[in-house]
């Protein structure tokens, strides 16, 4: 009954993401990575609450990929110095906790990951560079 709507909503979501990415500056792209990881963790929590283990695993896998292949991979250790090293360590810890959450169906670990990543995302958004004329 709702399948056509879901597929339309999914298609719309993909278009929104693709449009956002193509028009985004590097700062906005990192913000989108944070948002995507936090959203994936929220979806994992919802799936866990529903007992949908497959959806939980997929959402956690997506969050791990965003953190590892997006956020960690983007760190510039030469220019970032101690800040980059600290972020790297936080990302490694979050990845380990996400893996634990997936293996143990641990909602508290998922909550912890959201609580760790949210202030970093907020700080990143607050540092948004001024728009160029």
Protein backbone atom coordinates (compact mmCIF):
# COMPACT_ATOMS: atom_id res chain seq x y z
CA UNK A 1 0.00 0.00 0.00
CA UNK A 2 2.76 2.45 0.92
CA UNK A 3 5.52 1.04 -1.27
CA UNK A 4 5.16 3.63 -4.08
CA UNK A 5 5.32 6.46 -1.55
CA UNK A 6 8.40 4.98 0.10
CA UNK A 7 10.18 4.61 -3.22
CA UNK A 8 9.22 8.16 -4.19
CA UNK A 9 10.39 9.46 -0.82
CA UNK A 10 13.64 7.53 -1.17
CA UNK A 11 14.20 8.90 -4.67
CA UNK A 12 13.45 12.42 -3.42
CA UNK A 13 15.94 11.95 -0.58
CA UNK A 14 18.65 10.83 -3.01
CA UNK A 15 18.01 13.86 -5.23
CA UNK A 16 18.18 16.15 -2.19
CA UNK A 17 21.51 14.66 -1.10
CA UNK A 18 22.99 14.77 -4.60
CA UNK A 19 21.84 18.37 -5.07
CA UNK A 20 23.22 19.33 -1.67
CA UNK A 21 26.58 17.72 -2.36
CA UNK A 22 27.01 19.22 -5.81
CA UNK A 23 26.34 22.73 -4.53
CA UNK A 24 28.20 22.50 -1.23
CA UNK A 25 31.50 24.02 -0.26
CA UNK A 26 34.04 21.86 1.62
CA UNK A 27 32.83 23.14 5.01
CA UNK A 28 29.24 22.20 4.20
CA UNK A 29 30.33 18.76 2.96
CA UNK A 30 31.90 17.98 6.35
CA UNK A 31 28.72 19.21 8.05
CA UNK A 32 26.73 16.85 5.83
CA UNK A 33 29.02 13.98 6.89
CA UNK A 34 28.33 14.73 10.54
CA UNK A 35 24.60 14.93 9.86
CA UNK A 36 24.68 11.67 7.93
CA UNK A 37 26.54 9.81 10.67
CA UNK A 38 24.23 11.12 13.40
CA UNK A 39 21.17 10.29 11.29
CA UNK A 40 22.47 6.76 10.65
CA UNK A 41 22.98 6.26 14.38
CA UNK A 42 19.43 7.48 15.06
CA UNK A 43 18.10 5.04 12.45
CA UNK A 44 20.12 2.25 14.08
CA UNK A 45 18.57 3.08 17.46
CA UNK A 46 15.10 3.04 15.98
CA UNK A 47 15.73 -0.27 14.23
CA UNK A 48 17.12 -1.75 17.43
CA UNK A 49 14.03 -0.63 19.35
CA UNK A 50 11.82 -2.28 16.71
CA UNK A 51 13.90 -5.46 16.77
CA UNK A 52 14.88 -4.97 13.12
CA UNK A 53 18.40 -6.34 13.39
CA UNK A 54 19.08 -6.17 9.65
CA UNK A 55 18.20 -2.46 9.45
CA UNK A 56 20.23 -1.81 12.61
CA UNK A 57 23.28 -3.43 11.06
CA UNK A 58 22.91 -1.50 7.82
CA UNK A 59 22.53 1.82 9.63
CA UNK A 60 25.53 1.17 11.87
CA UNK A 61 27.55 0.12 8.83
CA UNK A 62 26.65 3.38 7.14
CA UNK A 63 27.66 5.39 10.22
CA UNK A 64 31.01 3.56 10.39
CA UNK A 65 31.67 4.20 6.69
CA UNK A 66 30.90 7.90 7.07
CA UNK A 67 33.21 8.23 10.05
CA UNK A 68 36.03 6.15 8.61
CA UNK A 69 35.90 7.00 4.91
CA UNK A 70 34.59 10.54 5.25
CA UNK A 71 35.55 12.21 8.52
CA UNK A 72 38.74 10.32 9.45
CA UNK A 73 39.99 10.19 5.88
CA UNK A 74 39.59 13.96 5.55
CA UNK A 75 41.82 14.78 8.52
CA UNK A 76 45.01 16.61 7.63
CA UNK A 77 47.45 15.45 10.28
CA UNK A 78 50.27 17.71 9.08
CA UNK A 79 48.31 20.95 9.25
CA UNK A 80 45.84 19.87 11.93
CA UNK A 81 48.40 18.87 14.51
CA UNK A 82 46.98 18.05 17.92
CA UNK A 83 43.40 18.85 16.91
CA UNK A 84 43.55 16.36 14.02
CA UNK A 85 45.11 13.74 16.29
CA UNK A 86 42.40 14.24 18.93
CA UNK A 87 39.64 14.01 16.31
CA UNK A 88 41.26 10.88 14.90
CA UNK A 89 41.20 9.30 18.36
CA UNK A 90 37.56 10.25 18.93
CA UNK A 91 36.59 8.84 15.52
CA UNK A 92 38.47 5.59 16.28
CA UNK A 93 36.68 5.32 19.62
CA UNK A 94 33.28 5.97 18.04
CA UNK A 95 33.96 3.33 15.40
CA UNK A 96 34.88 0.82 18.12
CA UNK A 97 31.73 1.67 20.10
CA UNK A 98 29.57 1.36 16.98
CA UNK A 99 31.05 -2.06 16.32
CA UNK A 100 30.31 -3.02 19.92
CA UNK A 101 26.75 -1.68 19.60
CA UNK A 102 26.23 -3.75 16.50
CA UNK A 103 27.59 -6.97 18.00
CA UNK A 104 25.83 -6.59 21.36
CA UNK A 105 22.65 -4.72 20.31
CA UNK A 106 23.72 -2.05 22.79
CA UNK A 107 21.54 1.07 22.62
CA UNK A 108 23.61 2.79 25.32
CA UNK A 109 26.69 2.55 23.08
CA UNK A 110 24.74 4.09 20.20
CA UNK A 111 23.60 6.92 22.48
CA UNK A 112 27.18 7.47 23.60
CA UNK A 113 28.33 7.80 19.99
CA UNK A 114 25.65 10.39 19.24
CA UNK A 115 26.60 12.30 22.40
CA UNK A 116 30.26 12.31 21.36
CA UNK A 117 29.69 13.35 17.76
CA UNK A 118 26.98 16.00 18.26
CA UNK A 119 29.15 18.62 20.02
CA UNK A 120 31.87 18.18 17.41
CA UNK A 121 29.27 18.76 14.70
CA UNK A 122 27.95 21.83 16.53
CA UNK A 123 31.45 23.25 16.89
CA UNK A 124 32.10 22.65 13.19
CA UNK A 125 28.89 24.47 12.24
CA UNK A 126 29.79 27.37 14.54
CA UNK A 127 33.14 27.75 12.72
CA UNK A 128 31.46 28.28 9.35
CA UNK A 129 33.62 30.64 7.32
CA UNK A 130 32.13 33.94 6.26
CA UNK A 131 30.56 33.98 2.82
CA UNK A 132 32.69 35.49 0.09
CA UNK A 133 31.20 38.31 -1.98
